[in-house]
C-alpha atoms as a PDB file:
ATOM      1  CA  MET A   1     164.478  35.329 -69.399  1.00  0.00           C
ATOM      2  CA  LYS A   2     163.922  31.635 -69.895  1.00  0.00           C
ATOM      3  CA  VAL A   3     163.868  29.517 -66.732  1.00  0.00           C
ATOM      4  CA  SER A   4     163.629  26.111 -68.376  1.00  0.00           C
ATOM      5  CA  GLN A   5     163.601  24.364 -71.730  1.00  0.00           C
ATOM      6  CA  ARG A   6     160.279  22.774 -70.697  1.00  0.00           C
ATOM      7  CA  GLU A   7     157.036  24.642 -71.220  1.00  0.00           C
ATOM      8  CA  ILE A   8     154.891  25.916 -68.344  1.00  0.00           C
ATOM      9  CA  TYR A   9     151.182  25.093 -68.531  1.00  0.00           C
ATOM     10  CA  ALA A  10     149.645  28.568 -68.264  1.00  0.00           C
ATOM     11  CA  ASP A  11     146.456  28.631 -70.325  1.00  0.00           C
ATOM     12  CA  GLY A  12     144.971  25.314 -69.341  1.00  0.00           C
ATOM     13  CA  LEU A  13     145.588  21.654 -68.844  1.00  0.00           C
ATOM     14  CA  GLY A  14     147.719  19.470 -71.065  1.00  0.00           C
ATOM     15  CA  GLU A  15     146.289  17.022 -73.559  1.00  0.00           C
ATOM     16  CA  ALA A  16     144.695  13.812 -72.326  1.00  0.00           C
ATOM     17  CA  GLY A  17     147.391  11.359 -71.280  1.00  0.00           C
ATOM     18  CA  SER A  18     150.016  14.063 -70.761  1.00  0.00           C
ATOM     19  CA  GLU A  19     151.850  14.876 -67.524  1.00  0.00           C
ATOM     20  CA  ALA A  20     149.377  17.713 -66.965  1.00  0.00           C
ATOM     21  CA  ASP A  21     145.977  16.323 -67.939  1.00  0.00           C
ATOM     22  CA  THR A  22     144.416  17.176 -64.552  1.00  0.00           C
ATOM     23  CA  TYR A  23     144.651  20.352 -62.484  1.00  0.00           C
ATOM     24  CA  GLN A  24     146.693  18.640 -59.774  1.00  0.00           C
ATOM     25  CA  LYS A  25     149.119  17.085 -62.280  1.00  0.00           C
ATOM     26  CA  MET A  26     149.468  20.441 -64.052  1.00  0.00           C
ATOM     27  CA  LEU A  27     150.480  22.138 -60.788  1.00  0.00           C
ATOM     28  CA  ILE A  28     153.006  19.370 -60.086  1.00  0.00           C
ATOM     29  CA  ALA A  29     154.475  19.568 -63.610  1.00  0.00           C
ATOM     30  CA  ASN A  30     154.804  23.366 -63.405  1.00  0.00           C
ATOM     31  CA  THR A  31     156.396  23.190 -59.956  1.00  0.00           C
ATOM     32  CA  GLN A  32     158.916  20.607 -61.173  1.00  0.00           C
ATOM     33  CA  THR A  33     159.742  22.695 -64.244  1.00  0.00           C
ATOM     34  CA  ILE A  34     160.343  25.844 -62.185  1.00  0.00           C
ATOM     35  CA  VAL A  35     162.369  24.146 -59.422  1.00  0.00           C
ATOM     36  CA  GLU A  36     164.625  22.301 -61.849  1.00  0.00           C
ATOM     37  CA  GLY A  37     164.905  25.338 -64.129  1.00  0.00           C
ATOM     38  CA  LEU A  38     166.257  27.367 -61.222  1.00  0.00           C
ATOM     39  CA  GLY A  39     168.824  24.672 -60.453  1.00  0.00           C
ATOM     40  CA  GLY A  40     167.021  22.950 -57.597  1.00  0.00           C
ATOM     41  CA  LYS A  41     166.233  19.293 -57.037  1.00  0.00           C
ATOM     42  CA  TYR A  42     162.557  18.415 -57.333  1.00  0.00           C
ATOM     43  CA  THR A  43     161.361  15.764 -54.898  1.00  0.00           C
ATOM     44  CA  ALA A  44     157.810  14.542 -55.337  1.00  0.00           C
ATOM     45  CA  PHE A  45     155.604  14.846 -52.265  1.00  0.00           C
ATOM     46  CA  THR A  46     153.998  11.659 -51.031  1.00  0.00           C
ATOM     47  CA  ALA A  47     151.323  11.724 -48.347  1.00  0.00           C
ATOM     48  CA  GLN A  48     151.882   9.358 -45.462  1.00  0.00           C
END
């Protein structure tokens, strides 16, 4: 079953300059992909 048209980063980080070139950015990109793939609305977290 495919959740999204976007790929999940599973085996490592993305290439330099990509949306997932650090561990934190990779987790954010994967979370966004899963949430939107399941029909939800992704809202980025911002620390206050």
